[in-house]
Amino acid sequence: MTNEQAVLDLLDLVEYGGCADPQHFFALMRRTFNIAHLLYLEAEPLPEGLRVCHLHHTFGAYAAEIYVSRDLHRIDPILKLSLGGVRPVDWATARRRFPECEPLFKAAEEIGLSTEGVALPLPSPAGHVALLAIGANMSPAEWSAYRRHHLRDFQLAANLFHASMLEHSATAAAIDERDMRLTSRETEVLTWSAAGKSYWEIATILGISERTVRFFMTNARRKLNVVSNTQAVAQAVRHALIPTI
């Protein structure tokens, strides 16, 4: 399995570095995890289809050309399930569930791409959808065990990266104040952050993990449309979302 410290280092780099460069993020993920390919998509659903806002991947021009020229997006269950749901979508599970998508997987095998992977739906502003797809060159058994062990890490890294992308995008500026509603945990984490507590101290006080604290802070920053914890605290105080202590 992947070194635990390497995972924490990646999360710190993505969070504190404000990683809004997809290729840099992809390189970090590939270096930390045994990942073959990644794809990030943010789009706006329209009656006539998707309006792509951001699309970045490591599959290469040839794979992209095959996907488009064969209209494989029309039968892609990973795309449909990821952009229409909230649960991670395992590629092999989607393949078994939707036999009509077999040409998509056959095309991937033709050009030597792995068919083992997972797609992670990402929380987005109203009217937008997003996902991060992760592919690994592993046997089904190896991938199953690896996915179970690292799914939480994948999801947190994806959320942090997506938050950075939103924070540096013009679409993030349109977030309405009504979207600033915080959950009780996000409020607690922000309150203790305002008191000068570190992630480790907040995790100890609340009886949760540091990763979970990071997750709540990321969500709070996204809702408040800011790029740092200091700005998040200031915005929360300004709008009376947390008590001043």
Protein backbone atom coordinates (compact mmCIF):
# COMPACT_ATOMS: atom_id res chain seq x y z
CA MET A 1 0.00 0.00 0.00
CA THR A 2 1.01 3.66 -0.40
CA ASN A 3 3.14 5.32 2.28
CA GLU A 4 0.87 7.16 4.73
CA GLN A 5 3.21 10.15 5.08
CA ALA A 6 3.35 10.55 1.31
CA VAL A 7 -0.45 10.80 1.27
CA LEU A 8 -0.45 13.48 3.99
CA ASP A 9 2.28 15.38 2.13
CA LEU A 10 0.18 15.33 -1.03
CA LEU A 11 -2.88 16.62 0.83
CA ASP A 12 -0.83 19.45 2.33
CA LEU A 13 0.58 20.39 -1.08
CA VAL A 14 -2.85 20.44 -2.70
CA GLU A 15 -4.48 22.35 0.15
CA TYR A 16 -1.86 24.90 1.14
CA GLY A 17 -0.39 25.25 -2.32
CA GLY A 18 -3.77 26.17 -3.75
CA CYS A 19 -3.24 23.59 -6.49
CA ALA A 20 -5.33 24.79 -9.43
CA ASP A 21 -2.99 23.38 -12.08
CA PRO A 22 -4.48 20.07 -13.29
CA GLN A 23 -1.22 18.71 -14.70
CA HIS A 24 0.61 19.46 -11.45
CA PHE A 25 -2.14 17.75 -9.48
CA PHE A 26 -2.12 14.76 -11.81
CA ALA A 27 1.65 14.44 -11.38
CA LEU A 28 1.28 14.55 -7.59
CA MET A 29 -1.40 11.86 -7.65
CA ARG A 30 0.59 9.59 -9.97
CA ARG A 31 3.71 10.02 -7.83
CA THR A 32 1.88 9.24 -4.59
CA PHE A 33 -0.47 6.50 -5.75
CA ASN A 34 -0.14 3.72 -8.30
CA ILE A 35 -2.34 5.59 -10.79
CA ALA A 36 -2.14 5.17 -14.55
CA HIS A 37 -4.50 7.94 -15.72
CA LEU A 38 -6.69 10.73 -14.40
CA LEU A 39 -9.48 12.83 -15.84
CA TYR A 40 -11.10 15.94 -14.38
CA LEU A 41 -14.35 17.32 -15.77
CA GLU A 42 -16.50 20.25 -14.69
CA ALA A 43 -19.55 21.02 -16.78
CA GLU A 44 -22.92 22.71 -16.89
CA PRO A 45 -25.84 20.43 -17.85
CA LEU A 46 -28.00 21.97 -20.59
CA PRO A 47 -31.06 20.60 -22.41
CA GLU A 48 -28.91 19.92 -25.48
CA GLY A 49 -26.10 18.29 -23.51
CA LEU A 50 -23.13 19.29 -21.38
CA ARG A 51 -21.33 22.60 -21.68
CA VAL A 52 -17.78 21.73 -20.65
CA CYS A 53 -16.17 24.32 -18.38
CA HIS A 54 -12.98 22.39 -17.59
CA LEU A 55 -11.68 19.14 -19.06
CA HIS A 56 -8.20 17.82 -18.32
CA HIS A 57 -6.85 14.29 -18.61
CA THR A 58 -3.76 12.16 -19.11
CA PHE A 59 -5.20 9.73 -21.66
CA GLY A 60 -3.61 11.43 -24.66
CA ALA A 61 -4.94 12.85 -27.93
CA TYR A 62 -5.42 9.46 -29.62
CA ALA A 63 -7.66 8.11 -26.86
CA ALA A 64 -9.66 11.35 -26.83
CA GLU A 65 -10.09 11.18 -30.61
CA ILE A 66 -11.45 7.62 -30.44
CA TYR A 67 -13.83 8.56 -27.63
CA VAL A 68 -15.24 11.48 -29.62
CA SER A 69 -15.20 9.93 -33.10
CA ARG A 70 -17.06 6.80 -31.96
CA ASP A 71 -19.57 8.82 -29.88
CA LEU A 72 -18.65 6.73 -26.85
CA HIS A 73 -19.91 9.47 -24.52
CA ARG A 74 -23.44 8.41 -25.51
CA ILE A 75 -23.00 4.98 -23.90
CA ASP A 76 -20.53 5.93 -21.15
CA PRO A 77 -22.15 4.77 -17.88
CA ILE A 78 -19.29 6.15 -15.80
CA LEU A 79 -20.03 9.64 -17.08
CA LYS A 80 -23.77 9.32 -16.55
CA LEU A 81 -23.57 7.78 -13.08
CA SER A 82 -20.86 10.16 -11.86
CA LEU A 83 -22.51 13.34 -13.09
CA GLY A 84 -25.94 12.23 -11.94
CA GLY A 85 -25.11 10.88 -8.48
CA VAL A 86 -23.06 11.24 -5.34
CA ARG A 87 -21.52 7.77 -4.88
CA PRO A 88 -18.12 6.75 -6.27
CA VAL A 89 -18.54 4.74 -9.47
CA ASP A 90 -16.31 1.69 -9.88
CA TRP A 91 -15.61 1.10 -13.57
CA ALA A 92 -15.87 -2.69 -13.42
CA THR A 93 -19.20 -2.48 -11.59
CA ALA A 94 -20.55 -0.07 -14.21
CA ARG A 95 -19.35 -2.42 -16.96
CA ARG A 96 -21.26 -5.36 -15.48
CA ARG A 97 -24.37 -3.28 -14.79
CA PHE A 98 -24.61 -1.80 -18.29
CA PRO A 99 -23.75 -4.39 -20.98
CA GLU A 100 -24.52 -1.86 -23.71
CA CYS A 101 -21.38 0.08 -22.73
CA GLU A 102 -19.08 -2.80 -23.74
CA PRO A 103 -17.79 -0.97 -26.90
CA LEU A 104 -16.36 1.71 -24.60
CA PHE A 105 -14.30 -0.79 -22.61
CA LYS A 106 -13.31 -2.73 -25.70
CA ALA A 107 -12.01 0.49 -27.25
CA ALA A 108 -9.95 1.16 -24.12
CA GLU A 109 -8.48 -2.34 -24.24
CA GLU A 110 -7.66 -1.92 -27.94
CA ILE A 111 -5.33 0.97 -27.21
CA GLY A 112 -3.86 -0.53 -24.05
CA LEU A 113 -5.75 1.45 -21.43
CA SER A 114 -6.70 -0.08 -18.10
CA THR A 115 -10.37 -0.77 -17.45
CA GLU A 116 -9.95 -0.79 -13.66
CA GLY A 117 -10.70 2.49 -11.95
CA VAL A 118 -13.15 4.70 -10.09
CA ALA A 119 -14.94 7.96 -10.83
CA LEU A 120 -15.59 10.38 -7.98
CA PRO A 121 -18.51 12.85 -8.21
CA LEU A 122 -17.48 16.24 -6.80
CA PRO A 123 -19.63 18.83 -4.99
CA SER A 124 -20.14 21.86 -7.20
CA PRO A 125 -22.01 25.18 -7.24
CA ALA A 126 -25.67 25.01 -8.21
CA GLY A 127 -26.13 24.24 -11.89
CA HIS A 128 -22.74 22.57 -12.34
CA VAL A 129 -21.47 18.99 -12.09
CA ALA A 130 -17.95 17.62 -11.82
CA LEU A 131 -15.98 14.40 -11.46
CA LEU A 132 -12.46 13.06 -11.10
CA ALA A 133 -11.81 9.69 -12.76
CA ILE A 134 -8.86 7.56 -11.64
CA GLY A 135 -7.52 4.57 -13.57
CA ALA A 136 -4.93 2.06 -12.32
CA ASN A 137 -2.91 -0.63 -14.08
CA MET A 138 -3.79 -3.41 -11.65
CA SER A 139 -5.54 -6.74 -11.73
CA PRO A 140 -9.17 -6.70 -10.59
CA ALA A 141 -8.24 -8.28 -7.25
CA GLU A 142 -5.34 -5.87 -6.64
CA TRP A 143 -7.45 -2.85 -7.58
CA SER A 144 -10.34 -3.94 -5.36
CA ALA A 145 -8.09 -4.05 -2.29
CA TYR A 146 -6.21 -0.87 -3.24
CA ARG A 147 -9.43 1.03 -3.88
CA ARG A 148 -10.92 0.05 -0.52
CA HIS A 149 -7.77 1.18 1.28
CA HIS A 150 -7.33 4.51 -0.51
CA LEU A 151 -10.82 5.61 -1.56
CA ARG A 152 -11.04 8.13 1.29
CA ASP A 153 -7.64 9.56 0.30
CA PHE A 154 -8.70 9.77 -3.36
CA GLN A 155 -11.92 11.57 -2.43
CA LEU A 156 -10.26 14.10 -0.13
CA ALA A 157 -7.51 14.88 -2.64
CA ALA A 158 -10.13 15.26 -5.39
CA ASN A 159 -12.23 17.58 -3.22
CA LEU A 160 -9.23 19.76 -2.35
CA PHE A 161 -8.17 20.00 -5.99
CA HIS A 162 -11.71 20.73 -7.16
CA ALA A 163 -12.05 23.44 -4.51
CA SER A 164 -8.87 25.07 -5.82
CA MET A 165 -10.19 24.94 -9.36
CA LEU A 166 -13.45 26.57 -8.30
CA GLU A 167 -11.68 29.22 -6.26
CA HIS A 168 -9.65 30.24 -9.31
CA SER A 169 -12.57 30.14 -11.72
CA ALA A 170 -14.88 32.95 -12.68
CA THR A 171 -17.85 30.66 -12.07
CA ALA A 172 -17.01 30.56 -8.35
CA ALA A 173 -17.61 34.32 -8.11
CA ALA A 174 -21.30 33.75 -8.79
CA ILE A 175 -21.89 31.66 -5.66
CA ASP A 176 -24.96 33.09 -3.90
CA GLU A 177 -24.90 34.02 -0.22
CA ARG A 178 -27.58 31.43 0.46
CA ASP A 179 -25.00 28.78 -0.45
CA MET A 180 -22.91 29.89 2.54
CA ARG A 181 -24.94 27.79 4.96
CA LEU A 182 -22.54 25.72 7.02
CA THR A 183 -23.12 22.35 8.63
CA SER A 184 -22.71 22.04 12.39
CA ARG A 185 -19.32 20.36 11.96
CA GLU A 186 -18.09 23.02 9.51
CA THR A 187 -19.16 25.67 12.03
CA GLU A 188 -17.32 23.91 14.85
CA VAL A 189 -14.15 23.54 12.82
CA LEU A 190 -14.22 27.20 11.74
CA THR A 191 -14.91 28.32 15.32
CA TRP A 192 -11.88 26.49 16.67
CA SER A 193 -9.78 27.70 13.74
CA ALA A 194 -10.81 31.25 14.66
CA ALA A 195 -9.51 30.50 18.16
CA GLY A 196 -6.10 29.75 16.68
CA LYS A 197 -6.23 25.96 16.91
CA SER A 198 -4.30 23.77 14.47
CA TYR A 199 -5.86 20.90 12.51
CA TRP A 200 -4.36 18.44 14.98
CA GLU A 201 -5.77 20.35 17.96
CA ILE A 202 -9.21 20.66 16.37
CA ALA A 203 -9.22 16.94 15.58
CA THR A 204 -8.35 16.14 19.21
CA ILE A 205 -11.01 18.50 20.60
CA LEU A 206 -13.77 17.17 18.33
CA GLY A 207 -12.69 13.52 18.49
CA ILE A 208 -12.30 13.18 14.72
CA SER A 209 -9.34 12.63 12.40
CA GLU A 210 -7.15 15.35 10.88
CA ARG A 211 -8.34 14.25 7.45
CA THR A 212 -11.93 14.87 8.50
CA VAL A 213 -11.03 18.33 9.80
CA ARG A 214 -9.39 19.10 6.43
CA PHE A 215 -12.52 17.89 4.65
CA PHE A 216 -14.81 20.20 6.66
CA MET A 217 -12.48 23.17 6.19
CA THR A 218 -12.36 22.57 2.44
CA ASN A 219 -16.14 22.50 2.24
CA ALA A 220 -16.39 25.67 4.36
CA ARG A 221 -13.92 27.54 2.13
CA ARG A 222 -15.83 26.46 -0.97
CA LYS A 223 -19.16 27.60 0.45
CA LEU A 224 -17.68 30.93 1.56
CA ASN A 225 -15.92 31.39 -1.82
CA VAL A 226 -12.48 32.06 -0.31
CA VAL A 227 -9.03 30.58 -0.83
CA SER A 228 -7.57 30.41 2.68
CA ASN A 229 -8.61 29.43 6.19
CA THR A 230 -7.96 32.97 7.43
CA GLN A 231 -10.34 34.37 4.81
CA ALA A 232 -12.91 31.69 5.68
CA VAL A 233 -12.84 32.69 9.35
CA ALA A 234 -13.12 36.39 8.48
CA GLN A 235 -16.03 35.75 6.12
CA ALA A 236 -17.81 33.54 8.66
CA VAL A 237 -17.43 36.20 11.39
CA ARG A 238 -18.60 38.91 9.02
CA HIS A 239 -21.79 37.04 8.24
CA ALA A 240 -22.28 35.89 11.86
CA LEU A 241 -21.97 32.24 10.86
CA ILE A 242 -19.73 31.41 13.83
CA PRO A 243 -19.54 32.83 17.35
CA THR A 244 -16.65 35.15 18.16
CA ILE A 245 -14.51 33.86 21.01
